[in-house]
Amino acid sequence: MWLSLVFGAFHSGIAKAAVTPNFTTGTVTSHTESTTTMTESIRQIDFQTGSSYTVTGTNINIPSTPAPGAAYSQTTPGGTFQFSESFFGPGISRETSIDRTTTVKTITDSLSVFTQ
């Protein structure tokens, strides 16, 4: 405690002076590297609440009300033809599953130059 009293007494008599740096130029360099790894899991399930029926073809007689089990016949018997029939009932119509990992590496180099 007595030391602070001594320095306090001397402090009041000290004159303040401006501080002037004594360098002329300088540089500061910085190098930073970072790596980020991100893992994603994407799950998507699509549901269908109703039914869907599709029929298509060439050289096929399609009745005015196509339905599963309907009687389809060839327009020209014995000729070439193409026929496709699809029925989708209620339930899961599609399921998508994606797993991916992404790695990003970032490098930053900086240089600061200063003068007086």
PDB file of N, CA and C in Angstrom:
ATOM      1  N   MET A   1       0.814  -1.178   0.000  1.00  0.00           N
ATOM      2  CA  MET A   1       0.000   0.000   0.000  1.00  0.00           C
ATOM      3  C   MET A   1       0.870   1.260   0.000  1.00  0.00           C
ATOM      4  N   TRP A   2       1.938   1.263   0.768  1.00  0.00           N
ATOM      5  CA  TRP A   2       2.797   2.443   0.823  1.00  0.00           C
ATOM      6  C   TRP A   2       3.457   2.693  -0.530  1.00  0.00           C
ATOM      7  N   LEU A   3       3.637   1.570  -1.351  1.00  0.00           N
ATOM      8  CA  LEU A   3       4.226   1.725  -2.671  1.00  0.00           C
ATOM      9  C   LEU A   3       3.296   2.515  -3.588  1.00  0.00           C
ATOM     10  N   SER A   4       2.010   2.277  -3.503  1.00  0.00           N
ATOM     11  CA  SER A   4       1.070   3.020  -4.346  1.00  0.00           C
ATOM     12  C   SER A   4       1.022   4.489  -3.956  1.00  0.00           C
ATOM     13  N   LEU A   5       1.234   4.806  -2.670  1.00  0.00           N
ATOM     14  CA  LEU A   5       1.256   6.203  -2.261  1.00  0.00           C
ATOM     15  C   LEU A   5       2.484   6.913  -2.835  1.00  0.00           C
ATOM     16  N   VAL A   6       3.626   6.190  -2.860  1.00  0.00           N
ATOM     17  CA  VAL A   6       4.848   6.781  -3.397  1.00  0.00           C
ATOM     18  C   VAL A   6       4.698   7.034  -4.886  1.00  0.00           C
ATOM     19  N   PHE A   7       4.223   6.028  -5.633  1.00  0.00           N
ATOM     20  CA  PHE A   7       4.054   6.202  -7.074  1.00  0.00           C
ATOM     21  C   PHE A   7       2.987   7.231  -7.383  1.00  0.00           C
ATOM     22  N   GLY A   8       1.966   7.305  -6.559  1.00  0.00           N
ATOM     23  CA  GLY A   8       0.915   8.302  -6.752  1.00  0.00           C
ATOM     24  C   GLY A   8       1.460   9.703  -6.604  1.00  0.00           C
ATOM     25  N   ALA A   9       2.379   9.900  -5.683  1.00  0.00           N
ATOM     26  CA  ALA A   9       2.962  11.229  -5.482  1.00  0.00           C
ATOM     27  C   ALA A   9       3.817  11.621  -6.666  1.00  0.00           C
ATOM     28  N   PHE A  10       4.574  10.657  -7.229  1.00  0.00           N
ATOM     29  CA  PHE A  10       5.410  10.965  -8.388  1.00  0.00           C
ATOM     30  C   PHE A  10       4.583  11.126  -9.661  1.00  0.00           C
ATOM     31  N   HIS A  11       3.479  10.450  -9.733  1.00  0.00           N
ATOM     32  CA  HIS A  11       2.647  10.456 -10.938  1.00  0.00           C
ATOM     33  C   HIS A  11       2.124  11.852 -11.249  1.00  0.00           C
ATOM     34  N   SER A  12       1.792  12.580 -10.263  1.00  0.00           N
ATOM     35  CA  SER A  12       1.206  13.894 -10.507  1.00  0.00           C
ATOM     36  C   SER A  12       2.213  14.860 -11.130  1.00  0.00           C
ATOM     37  N   GLY A  13       3.491  14.610 -10.972  1.00  0.00           N
ATOM     38  CA  GLY A  13       4.497  15.512 -11.518  1.00  0.00           C
ATOM     39  C   GLY A  13       5.024  15.089 -12.870  1.00  0.00           C
ATOM     40  N   ILE A  14       4.566  13.971 -13.428  1.00  0.00           N
ATOM     41  CA  ILE A  14       5.074  13.477 -14.709  1.00  0.00           C
ATOM     42  C   ILE A  14       4.299  14.131 -15.841  1.00  0.00           C
ATOM     43  N   ALA A  15       5.008  14.621 -16.856  1.00  0.00           N
ATOM     44  CA  ALA A  15       4.356  15.256 -17.997  1.00  0.00           C
ATOM     45  C   ALA A  15       3.946  14.186 -19.003  1.00  0.00           C
ATOM     46  N   LYS A  16       2.847  14.437 -19.682  1.00  0.00           N
ATOM     47  CA  LYS A  16       2.363  13.504 -20.701  1.00  0.00           C
ATOM     48  C   LYS A  16       3.030  13.827 -22.024  1.00  0.00           C
ATOM     49  N   ALA A  17       3.448  12.772 -22.752  1.00  0.00           N
ATOM     50  CA  ALA A  17       4.094  12.969 -24.043  1.00  0.00           C
ATOM     51  C   ALA A  17       3.399  12.086 -25.071  1.00  0.00           C
ATOM     52  N   ALA A  18       3.327  12.526 -26.312  1.00  0.00           N
ATOM     53  CA  ALA A  18       2.727  11.738 -27.391  1.00  0.00           C
ATOM     54  C   ALA A  18       3.614  10.542 -27.702  1.00  0.00           C
ATOM     55  N   VAL A  19       2.985   9.431 -27.991  1.00  0.00           N
ATOM     56  CA  VAL A  19       3.739   8.226 -28.339  1.00  0.00           C
ATOM     57  C   VAL A  19       3.810   8.146 -29.849  1.00  0.00           C
ATOM     58  N   THR A  20       5.010   8.064 -30.379  1.00  0.00           N
ATOM     59  CA  THR A  20       5.226   7.966 -31.813  1.00  0.00           C
ATOM     60  C   THR A  20       5.877   6.621 -32.094  1.00  0.00           C
ATOM     61  N   PRO A  21       5.247   5.809 -32.975  1.00  0.00           N
ATOM     62  CA  PRO A  21       5.860   4.513 -33.275  1.00  0.00           C
ATOM     63  C   PRO A  21       7.191   4.704 -33.988  1.00  0.00           C
ATOM     64  N   ASN A  22       8.109   3.782 -33.777  1.00  0.00           N
ATOM     65  CA  ASN A  22       9.420   3.923 -34.383  1.00  0.00           C
ATOM     66  C   ASN A  22       9.665   2.865 -35.463  1.00  0.00           C
ATOM     67  N   PHE A  23       8.637   2.551 -36.245  1.00  0.00           N
ATOM     68  CA  PHE A  23       8.814   1.658 -37.378  1.00  0.00           C
ATOM     69  C   PHE A  23       8.418   2.412 -38.639  1.00  0.00           C
ATOM     70  N   THR A  24       8.861   1.910 -39.779  1.00  0.00           N
ATOM     71  CA  THR A  24       8.504   2.567 -41.034  1.00  0.00           C
ATOM     72  C   THR A  24       7.555   1.713 -41.861  1.00  0.00           C
ATOM     73  N   THR A  25       7.795   0.412 -41.939  1.00  0.00           N
ATOM     74  CA  THR A  25       6.900  -0.475 -42.688  1.00  0.00           C
ATOM     75  C   THR A  25       6.812  -1.810 -41.965  1.00  0.00           C
ATOM     76  N   GLY A  26       5.829  -2.571 -42.342  1.00  0.00           N
ATOM     77  CA  GLY A  26       5.696  -3.896 -41.755  1.00  0.00           C
ATOM     78  C   GLY A  26       4.656  -4.710 -42.504  1.00  0.00           C
ATOM     79  N   THR A  27       4.673  -6.014 -42.309  1.00  0.00           N
ATOM     80  CA  THR A  27       3.685  -6.898 -42.931  1.00  0.00           C
ATOM     81  C   THR A  27       3.228  -7.933 -41.912  1.00  0.00           C
ATOM     82  N   VAL A  28       2.006  -8.364 -42.085  1.00  0.00           N
ATOM     83  CA  VAL A  28       1.458  -9.448 -41.280  1.00  0.00           C
ATOM     84  C   VAL A  28       0.816 -10.431 -42.251  1.00  0.00           C
ATOM     85  N   THR A  29       1.200 -11.686 -42.165  1.00  0.00           N
ATOM     86  CA  THR A  29       0.596 -12.715 -43.006  1.00  0.00           C
ATOM     87  C   THR A  29      -0.210 -13.656 -42.141  1.00  0.00           C
ATOM     88  N   SER A  30      -1.253 -14.226 -42.743  1.00  0.00           N
ATOM     89  CA  SER A  30      -2.120 -15.161 -42.031  1.00  0.00           C
ATOM     90  C   SER A  30      -2.506 -16.285 -42.976  1.00  0.00           C
ATOM     91  N   HIS A  31      -2.505 -17.509 -42.491  1.00  0.00           N
ATOM     92  CA  HIS A  31      -2.900 -18.691 -43.277  1.00  0.00           C
ATOM     93  C   HIS A  31      -3.866 -19.505 -42.415  1.00  0.00           C
ATOM     94  N   THR A  32      -5.068 -19.708 -42.933  1.00  0.00           N
ATOM     95  CA  THR A  32      -6.094 -20.457 -42.195  1.00  0.00           C
ATOM     96  C   THR A  32      -6.653 -21.545 -43.093  1.00  0.00           C
ATOM     97  N   GLU A  33      -6.766 -22.751 -42.564  1.00  0.00           N
ATOM     98  CA  GLU A  33      -7.381 -23.869 -43.289  1.00  0.00           C
ATOM     99  C   GLU A  33      -8.472 -24.459 -42.413  1.00  0.00           C
ATOM    100  N   SER A  34      -9.599 -24.782 -43.041  1.00  0.00           N
ATOM    101  CA  SER A  34     -10.666 -25.466 -42.317  1.00  0.00           C
ATOM    102  C   SER A  34     -11.316 -26.481 -43.240  1.00  0.00           C
ATOM    103  N   THR A  35     -11.741 -27.581 -42.661  1.00  0.00           N
ATOM    104  CA  THR A  35     -12.422 -28.633 -43.411  1.00  0.00           C
ATOM    105  C   THR A  35     -13.749 -28.923 -42.719  1.00  0.00           C
ATOM    106  N   THR A  36     -14.823 -28.910 -43.498  1.00  0.00           N
ATOM    107  CA  THR A  36     -16.154 -29.189 -42.973  1.00  0.00           C
ATOM    108  C   THR A  36     -16.725 -30.384 -43.718  1.00  0.00           C
ATOM    109  N   THR A  37     -17.177 -31.367 -42.964  1.00  0.00           N
ATOM    110  CA  THR A  37     -17.805 -32.544 -43.558  1.00  0.00           C
ATOM    111  C   THR A  37     -19.252 -32.597 -43.085  1.00  0.00           C
ATOM    112  N   MET A  38     -20.173 -32.695 -44.051  1.00  0.00           N
ATOM    113  CA  MET A  38     -21.596 -32.730 -43.730  1.00  0.00           C
ATOM    114  C   MET A  38     -22.205 -34.004 -44.321  1.00  0.00           C
ATOM    115  N   THR A  39     -22.911 -34.748 -43.485  1.00  0.00           N
ATOM    116  CA  THR A  39     -23.585 -35.963 -43.932  1.00  0.00           C
ATOM    117  C   THR A  39     -25.083 -35.720 -43.871  1.00  0.00           C
ATOM    118  N   GLU A  40     -25.757 -35.982 -44.995  1.00  0.00           N
ATOM    119  CA  GLU A  40     -27.205 -35.786 -45.080  1.00  0.00           C
ATOM    120  C   GLU A  40     -27.894 -37.114 -45.358  1.00  0.00           C
ATOM    121  N   SER A  41     -29.029 -37.301 -44.743  1.00  0.00           N
ATOM    122  CA  SER A  41     -29.890 -38.441 -45.020  1.00  0.00           C
ATOM    123  C   SER A  41     -31.266 -37.884 -45.360  1.00  0.00           C
ATOM    124  N   ILE A  42     -31.705 -38.133 -46.585  1.00  0.00           N
ATOM    125  CA  ILE A  42     -32.999 -37.632 -47.052  1.00  0.00           C
ATOM    126  C   ILE A  42     -33.908 -38.838 -47.277  1.00  0.00           C
ATOM    127  N   ARG A  43     -35.061 -38.793 -46.637  1.00  0.00           N
ATOM    128  CA  ARG A  43     -36.053 -39.867 -46.779  1.00  0.00           C
ATOM    129  C   ARG A  43     -37.373 -39.222 -47.185  1.00  0.00           C
ATOM    130  N   GLN A  44     -37.960 -39.719 -48.277  1.00  0.00           N
ATOM    131  CA  GLN A  44     -39.234 -39.191 -48.739  1.00  0.00           C
ATOM    132  C   GLN A  44     -40.139 -40.356 -49.111  1.00  0.00           C
ATOM    133  N   ILE A  45     -41.342 -40.333 -48.589  1.00  0.00           N
ATOM    134  CA  ILE A  45     -42.331 -41.364 -48.910  1.00  0.00           C
ATOM    135  C   ILE A  45     -43.574 -40.661 -49.427  1.00  0.00           C
ATOM    136  N   ASP A  46     -43.990 -41.013 -50.645  1.00  0.00           N
ATOM    137  CA  ASP A  46     -45.195 -40.445 -51.256  1.00  0.00           C
ATOM    138  C   ASP A  46     -46.328 -41.452 -51.138  1.00  0.00           C
ATOM    139  N   PHE A  47     -47.489 -40.955 -50.712  1.00  0.00           N
ATOM    140  CA  PHE A  47     -48.665 -41.801 -50.558  1.00  0.00           C
ATOM    141  C   PHE A  47     -49.718 -41.429 -51.590  1.00  0.00           C
ATOM    142  N   GLN A  48     -50.462 -42.404 -52.034  1.00  0.00           N
ATOM    143  CA  GLN A  48     -51.570 -42.197 -52.956  1.00  0.00           C
ATOM    144  C   GLN A  48     -52.826 -42.673 -52.242  1.00  0.00           C
ATOM    145  N   THR A  49     -53.837 -41.818 -52.190  1.00  0.00           N
ATOM    146  CA  THR A  49     -55.057 -42.177 -51.455  1.00  0.00           C
ATOM    147  C   THR A  49     -56.110 -42.825 -52.343  1.00  0.00           C
ATOM    148  N   GLY A  50     -56.054 -42.584 -53.643  1.00  0.00           N
ATOM    149  CA  GLY A  50     -57.040 -43.164 -54.560  1.00  0.00           C
ATOM    150  C   GLY A  50     -56.395 -44.203 -55.453  1.00  0.00           C
ATOM    151  N   SER A  51     -57.110 -44.586 -56.483  1.00  0.00           N
ATOM    152  CA  SER A  51     -56.618 -45.577 -57.442  1.00  0.00           C
ATOM    153  C   SER A  51     -56.387 -44.918 -58.791  1.00  0.00           C
ATOM    154  N   SER A  52     -55.504 -45.513 -59.560  1.00  0.00           N
ATOM    155  CA  SER A  52     -55.211 -45.015 -60.893  1.00  0.00           C
ATOM    156  C   SER A  52     -55.101 -46.210 -61.838  1.00  0.00           C
ATOM    157  N   TYR A  53     -55.803 -46.117 -62.984  1.00  0.00           N
ATOM    158  CA  TYR A  53     -55.752 -47.182 -63.986  1.00  0.00           C
ATOM    159  C   TYR A  53     -55.452 -46.549 -65.332  1.00  0.00           C
ATOM    160  N   THR A  54     -54.464 -47.071 -66.030  1.00  0.00           N
ATOM    161  CA  THR A  54     -54.072 -46.556 -67.337  1.00  0.00           C
ATOM    162  C   THR A  54     -53.923 -47.719 -68.300  1.00  0.00           C
ATOM    163  N   VAL A  55     -54.452 -47.525 -69.508  1.00  0.00           N
ATOM    164  CA  VAL A  55     -54.279 -48.516 -70.565  1.00  0.00           C
ATOM    165  C   VAL A  55     -53.952 -47.778 -71.855  1.00  0.00           C
ATOM    166  N   THR A  56     -53.013 -48.311 -72.613  1.00  0.00           N
ATOM    167  CA  THR A  56     -52.622 -47.701 -73.880  1.00  0.00           C
ATOM    168  C   THR A  56     -52.139 -48.797 -74.809  1.00  0.00           C
ATOM    169  N   GLY A  57     -52.108 -48.502 -76.105  1.00  0.00           N
ATOM    170  CA  GLY A  57     -51.606 -49.487 -77.058  1.00  0.00           C
ATOM    171  C   GLY A  57     -51.857 -49.070 -78.488  1.00  0.00           C
ATOM    172  N   THR A  58     -51.304 -49.869 -79.390  1.00  0.00           N
ATOM    173  CA  THR A  58     -51.547 -49.687 -80.821  1.00  0.00           C
ATOM    174  C   THR A  58     -52.128 -50.985 -81.349  1.00  0.00           C
ATOM    175  N   ASN A  59     -53.035 -50.865 -82.324  1.00  0.00           N
ATOM    176  CA  ASN A  59     -53.764 -52.003 -82.903  1.00  0.00           C
ATOM    177  C   ASN A  59     -54.557 -52.737 -81.809  1.00  0.00           C
ATOM    178  N   ILE A  60     -55.142 -51.938 -80.884  1.00  0.00           N
ATOM    179  CA  ILE A  60     -55.930 -52.493 -79.784  1.00  0.00           C
ATOM    180  C   ILE A  60     -57.278 -51.770 -79.746  1.00  0.00           C
ATOM    181  N   ASN A  61     -58.357 -52.533 -79.584  1.00  0.00           N
ATOM    182  CA  ASN A  61     -59.680 -51.970 -79.351  1.00  0.00           C
ATOM    183  C   ASN A  61     -59.821 -51.741 -77.848  1.00  0.00           C
ATOM    184  N   ILE A  62     -59.909 -50.475 -77.465  1.00  0.00           N
ATOM    185  CA  ILE A  62     -60.074 -50.127 -76.054  1.00  0.00           C
ATOM    186  C   ILE A  62     -61.532 -49.732 -75.862  1.00  0.00           C
ATOM    187  N   PRO A  63     -62.256 -50.402 -74.952  1.00  0.00           N
ATOM    188  CA  PRO A  63     -63.665 -50.068 -74.751  1.00  0.00           C
ATOM    189  C   PRO A  63     -63.827 -48.647 -74.184  1.00  0.00           C
ATOM    190  N   SER A  64     -65.026 -48.095 -74.269  1.00  0.00           N
ATOM    191  CA  SER A  64     -65.270 -46.728 -73.820  1.00  0.00           C
ATOM    192  C   SER A  64     -65.058 -46.570 -72.319  1.00  0.00           C
ATOM    193  N   THR A  65     -65.189 -47.641 -71.549  1.00  0.00           N
ATOM    194  CA  THR A  65     -64.917 -47.590 -70.105  1.00  0.00           C
ATOM    195  C   THR A  65     -63.871 -48.644 -69.774  1.00  0.00           C
ATOM    196  N   PRO A  66     -62.598 -48.315 -70.016  1.00  0.00           N
ATOM    197  CA  PRO A  66     -61.554 -49.294 -69.715  1.00  0.00           C
ATOM    198  C   PRO A  66     -61.467 -49.536 -68.199  1.00  0.00           C
ATOM    199  N   ALA A  67     -61.200 -50.783 -67.841  1.00  0.00           N
ATOM    200  CA  ALA A  67     -61.080 -51.155 -66.436  1.00  0.00           C
ATOM    201  C   ALA A  67     -60.257 -52.430 -66.362  1.00  0.00           C
ATOM    202  N   PRO A  68     -59.683 -52.713 -65.191  1.00  0.00           N
ATOM    203  CA  PRO A  68     -58.955 -53.977 -65.062  1.00  0.00           C
ATOM    204  C   PRO A  68     -59.876 -55.160 -65.361  1.00  0.00           C
ATOM    205  N   GLY A  69     -59.387 -56.054 -66.178  1.00  0.00           N
ATOM    206  CA  GLY A  69     -60.170 -57.237 -66.535  1.00  0.00           C
ATOM    207  C   GLY A  69     -61.119 -57.041 -67.705  1.00  0.00           C
ATOM    208  N   ALA A  70     -61.126 -55.830 -68.316  1.00  0.00           N
ATOM    209  CA  ALA A  70     -62.004 -55.589 -69.471  1.00  0.00           C
ATOM    210  C   ALA A  70     -61.516 -56.419 -70.652  1.00  0.00           C
ATOM    211  N   ALA A  71     -62.413 -56.644 -71.606  1.00  0.00           N
ATOM    212  CA  ALA A  71     -62.071 -57.444 -72.786  1.00  0.00           C
ATOM    213  C   ALA A  71     -61.447 -56.542 -73.841  1.00  0.00           C
ATOM    214  N   TYR A  72     -60.140 -56.704 -74.056  1.00  0.00           N
ATOM    215  CA  TYR A  72     -59.426 -55.953 -75.078  1.00  0.00           C
ATOM    216  C   TYR A  72     -59.169 -56.895 -76.248  1.00  0.00           C
ATOM    217  N   SER A  73     -59.231 -56.351 -77.470  1.00  0.00           N
ATOM    218  CA  SER A  73     -58.976 -57.180 -78.647  1.00  0.00           C
ATOM    219  C   SER A  73     -58.161 -56.381 -79.647  1.00  0.00           C
ATOM    220  N   GLN A  74     -57.598 -57.110 -80.633  1.00  0.00           N
ATOM    221  CA  GLN A  74     -56.824 -56.451 -81.673  1.00  0.00           C
ATOM    222  C   GLN A  74     -57.760 -55.860 -82.714  1.00  0.00           C
ATOM    223  N   THR A  75     -57.363 -54.693 -83.223  1.00  0.00           N
ATOM    224  CA  THR A  75     -58.131 -54.073 -84.299  1.00  0.00           C
ATOM    225  C   THR A  75     -57.972 -54.908 -85.565  1.00  0.00           C
ATOM    226  N   THR A  76     -56.729 -55.294 -85.881  1.00  0.00           N
ATOM    227  CA  THR A  76     -56.444 -56.160 -87.012  1.00  0.00           C
ATOM    228  C   THR A  76     -55.879 -57.453 -86.440  1.00  0.00           C
ATOM    229  N   PRO A  77     -56.704 -58.496 -86.327  1.00  0.00           N
ATOM    230  CA  PRO A  77     -56.223 -59.753 -85.732  1.00  0.00           C
ATOM    231  C   PRO A  77     -54.989 -60.290 -86.468  1.00  0.00           C
ATOM    232  N   GLY A  78     -54.000 -60.725 -85.707  1.00  0.00           N
ATOM    233  CA  GLY A  78     -52.781 -61.280 -86.272  1.00  0.00           C
ATOM    234  C   GLY A  78     -51.733 -60.236 -86.601  1.00  0.00           C
ATOM    235  N   GLY A  79     -52.091 -58.945 -86.550  1.00  0.00           N
ATOM    236  CA  GLY A  79     -51.131 -57.884 -86.860  1.00  0.00           C
ATOM    237  C   GLY A  79     -50.274 -57.559 -85.633  1.00  0.00           C
ATOM    238  N   THR A  80     -49.281 -56.737 -85.887  1.00  0.00           N
ATOM    239  CA  THR A  80     -48.428 -56.323 -84.765  1.00  0.00           C
ATOM    240  C   THR A  80     -49.221 -55.408 -83.845  1.00  0.00           C
ATOM    241  N   PHE A  81     -48.901 -55.450 -82.568  1.00  0.00           N
ATOM    242  CA  PHE A  81     -49.611 -54.610 -81.610  1.00  0.00           C
ATOM    243  C   PHE A  81     -48.709 -54.312 -80.413  1.00  0.00           C
ATOM    244  N   GLN A  82     -49.149 -53.343 -79.683  1.00  0.00           N
ATOM    245  CA  GLN A  82     -48.486 -52.979 -78.427  1.00  0.00           C
ATOM    246  C   GLN A  82     -49.583 -52.708 -77.420  1.00  0.00           C
ATOM    247  N   PHE A  83     -49.418 -53.231 -76.203  1.00  0.00           N
ATOM    248  CA  PHE A  83     -50.440 -53.076 -75.174  1.00  0.00           C
ATOM    249  C   PHE A  83     -49.772 -52.869 -73.820  1.00  0.00           C
ATOM    250  N   SER A  84     -50.269 -51.876 -73.074  1.00  0.00           N
ATOM    251  CA  SER A  84     -49.751 -51.601 -71.737  1.00  0.00           C
ATOM    252  C   SER A  84     -50.916 -51.291 -70.813  1.00  0.00           C
ATOM    253  N   GLU A  85     -50.882 -51.904 -69.633  1.00  0.00           N
ATOM    254  CA  GLU A  85     -51.942 -51.717 -68.645  1.00  0.00           C
ATOM    255  C   GLU A  85     -51.288 -51.513 -67.282  1.00  0.00           C
ATOM    256  N   SER A  86     -51.698 -50.444 -66.566  1.00  0.00           N
ATOM    257  CA  SER A  86     -51.122 -50.147 -65.250  1.00  0.00           C
ATOM    258  C   SER A  86     -52.239 -49.846 -64.264  1.00  0.00           C
ATOM    259  N   PHE A  87     -52.128 -50.431 -63.081  1.00  0.00           N
ATOM    260  CA  PHE A  87     -53.079 -50.150 -62.004  1.00  0.00           C
ATOM    261  C   PHE A  87     -52.297 -49.856 -60.737  1.00  0.00           C
ATOM    262  N   PHE A  88     -52.618 -48.734 -60.101  1.00  0.00           N
ATOM    263  CA  PHE A  88     -52.004 -48.355 -58.827  1.00  0.00           C
ATOM    264  C   PHE A  88     -53.119 -48.122 -57.824  1.00  0.00           C
ATOM    265  N   GLY A  89     -53.112 -48.896 -56.755  1.00  0.00           N
ATOM    266  CA  GLY A  89     -54.107 -48.732 -55.698  1.00  0.00           C
ATOM    267  C   GLY A  89     -53.585 -47.816 -54.612  1.00  0.00           C
ATOM    268  N   PRO A  90     -54.406 -47.560 -53.588  1.00  0.00           N
ATOM    269  CA  PRO A  90     -53.981 -46.691 -52.491  1.00  0.00           C
ATOM    270  C   PRO A  90     -52.791 -47.284 -51.737  1.00  0.00           C
ATOM    271  N   GLY A  91     -51.945 -46.400 -51.206  1.00  0.00           N
ATOM    272  CA  GLY A  91     -50.780 -46.850 -50.436  1.00  0.00           C
ATOM    273  C   GLY A  91     -49.550 -46.056 -50.822  1.00  0.00           C
ATOM    274  N   ILE A  92     -48.398 -46.630 -50.540  1.00  0.00           N
ATOM    275  CA  ILE A  92     -47.132 -45.974 -50.878  1.00  0.00           C
ATOM    276  C   ILE A  92     -46.930 -46.057 -52.379  1.00  0.00           C
ATOM    277  N   SER A  93     -46.771 -44.893 -53.007  1.00  0.00           N
ATOM    278  CA  SER A  93     -46.571 -44.882 -54.457  1.00  0.00           C
ATOM    279  C   SER A  93     -45.102 -44.731 -54.840  1.00  0.00           C
ATOM    280  N   ARG A  94     -44.315 -44.151 -53.921  1.00  0.00           N
ATOM    281  CA  ARG A  94     -42.898 -43.963 -54.225  1.00  0.00           C
ATOM    282  C   ARG A  94     -42.145 -43.769 -52.914  1.00  0.00           C
ATOM    283  N   GLU A  95     -40.938 -44.314 -52.868  1.00  0.00           N
ATOM    284  CA  GLU A  95     -40.072 -44.133 -51.708  1.00  0.00           C
ATOM    285  C   GLU A  95     -38.686 -43.752 -52.206  1.00  0.00           C
ATOM    286  N   THR A  96     -38.185 -42.616 -51.700  1.00  0.00           N
ATOM    287  CA  THR A  96     -36.879 -42.114 -52.107  1.00  0.00           C
ATOM    288  C   THR A  96     -35.964 -42.080 -50.891  1.00  0.00           C
ATOM    289  N   SER A  97     -34.756 -42.588 -51.061  1.00  0.00           N
ATOM    290  CA  SER A  97     -33.771 -42.605 -49.984  1.00  0.00           C
ATOM    291  C   SER A  97     -32.431 -42.147 -50.550  1.00  0.00           C
ATOM    292  N   ILE A  98     -31.921 -41.037 -50.011  1.00  0.00           N
ATOM    293  CA  ILE A  98     -30.653 -40.474 -50.479  1.00  0.00           C
ATOM    294  C   ILE A  98     -29.739 -40.272 -49.280  1.00  0.00           C
ATOM    295  N   ASP A  99     -28.539 -40.810 -49.358  1.00  0.00           N
ATOM    296  CA  ASP A  99     -27.493 -40.577 -48.361  1.00  0.00           C
ATOM    297  C   ASP A  99     -26.305 -39.970 -49.086  1.00  0.00           C
ATOM    298  N   ARG A 100     -25.858 -38.804 -48.612  1.00  0.00           N
ATOM    299  CA  ARG A 100     -24.711 -38.177 -49.267  1.00  0.00           C
ATOM    300  C   ARG A 100     -23.847 -37.471 -48.238  1.00  0.00           C
ATOM    301  N   THR A 101     -22.551 -37.449 -48.530  1.00  0.00           N
ATOM    302  CA  THR A 101     -21.571 -36.783 -47.680  1.00  0.00           C
ATOM    303  C   THR A 101     -20.840 -35.752 -48.532  1.00  0.00           C
ATOM    304  N   THR A 102     -20.770 -34.529 -48.020  1.00  0.00           N
ATOM    305  CA  THR A 102     -20.101 -33.439 -48.723  1.00  0.00           C
ATOM    306  C   THR A 102     -18.967 -32.922 -47.842  1.00  0.00           C
ATOM    307  N   THR A 103     -17.775 -32.808 -48.422  1.00  0.00           N
ATOM    308  CA  THR A 103     -16.621 -32.274 -47.701  1.00  0.00           C
ATOM    309  C   THR A 103     -16.162 -31.003 -48.399  1.00  0.00           C
ATOM    310  N   VAL A 104     -16.051 -29.925 -47.621  1.00  0.00           N
ATOM    311  CA  VAL A 104     -15.607 -28.638 -48.165  1.00  0.00           C
ATOM    312  C   VAL A 104     -14.343 -28.223 -47.422  1.00  0.00           C
ATOM    313  N   LYS A 105     -13.276 -27.933 -48.174  1.00  0.00           N
ATOM    314  CA  LYS A 105     -12.028 -27.454 -47.583  1.00  0.00           C
ATOM    315  C   LYS A 105     -11.855 -25.995 -47.985  1.00  0.00           C
ATOM    316  N   THR A 106     -11.652 -25.137 -46.993  1.00  0.00           N
ATOM    317  CA  THR A 106     -11.488 -23.709 -47.232  1.00  0.00           C
ATOM    318  C   THR A 106     -10.095 -23.292 -46.791  1.00  0.00           C
ATOM    319  N   ILE A 107      -9.396 -22.581 -47.682  1.00  0.00           N
ATOM    320  CA  ILE A 107      -8.057 -22.057 -47.382  1.00  0.00           C
ATOM    321  C   ILE A 107      -8.094 -20.552 -47.590  1.00  0.00           C
ATOM    322  N   THR A 108      -7.655 -19.817 -46.563  1.00  0.00           N
ATOM    323  CA  THR A 108      -7.619 -18.361 -46.641  1.00  0.00           C
ATOM    324  C   THR A 108      -6.200 -17.894 -46.333  1.00  0.00           C
ATOM    325  N   ASP A 109      -5.618 -17.179 -47.276  1.00  0.00           N
ATOM    326  CA  ASP A 109      -4.304 -16.555 -47.080  1.00  0.00           C
ATOM    327  C   ASP A 109      -4.512 -15.043 -47.154  1.00  0.00           C
ATOM    328  N   SER A 110      -3.983 -14.332 -46.176  1.00  0.00           N
ATOM    329  CA  SER A 110      -4.107 -12.875 -46.221  1.00  0.00           C
ATOM    330  C   SER A 110      -2.754 -12.240 -45.914  1.00  0.00           C
ATOM    331  N   LEU A 111      -2.575 -11.043 -46.468  1.00  0.00           N
ATOM    332  CA  LEU A 111      -1.354 -10.282 -46.285  1.00  0.00           C
ATOM    333  C   LEU A 111      -1.758  -8.839 -45.989  1.00  0.00           C
ATOM    334  N   SER A 112      -1.288  -8.302 -44.876  1.00  0.00           N
ATOM    335  CA  SER A 112      -1.539  -6.894 -44.519  1.00  0.00           C
ATOM    336  C   SER A 112      -0.206  -6.161 -44.553  1.00  0.00           C
ATOM    337  N   VAL A 113      -0.180  -5.043 -45.257  1.00  0.00           N
ATOM    338  CA  VAL A 113       1.021  -4.211 -45.351  1.00  0.00           C
ATOM    339  C   VAL A 113       0.685  -2.872 -44.727  1.00  0.00           C
ATOM    340  N   PHE A 114       1.533  -2.401 -43.822  1.00  0.00           N
ATOM    341  CA  PHE A 114       1.274  -1.116 -43.188  1.00  0.00           C
ATOM    342  C   PHE A 114       2.532  -0.265 -43.226  1.00  0.00           C
ATOM    343  N   THR A 115       2.308   1.045 -43.300  1.00  0.00           N
ATOM    344  CA  THR A 115       3.413   2.005 -43.283  1.00  0.00           C
ATOM    345  C   THR A 115       3.054   3.119 -42.319  1.00  0.00           C
ATOM    346  N   GLN A 116       4.053   3.884 -41.970  1.00  0.00           N
ATOM    347  CA  GLN A 116       3.843   4.983 -41.021  1.00  0.00           C
ATOM    348  C   GLN A 116       3.400   6.214 -41.748  1.00  0.00           C
TER     349      GLN A 116
END
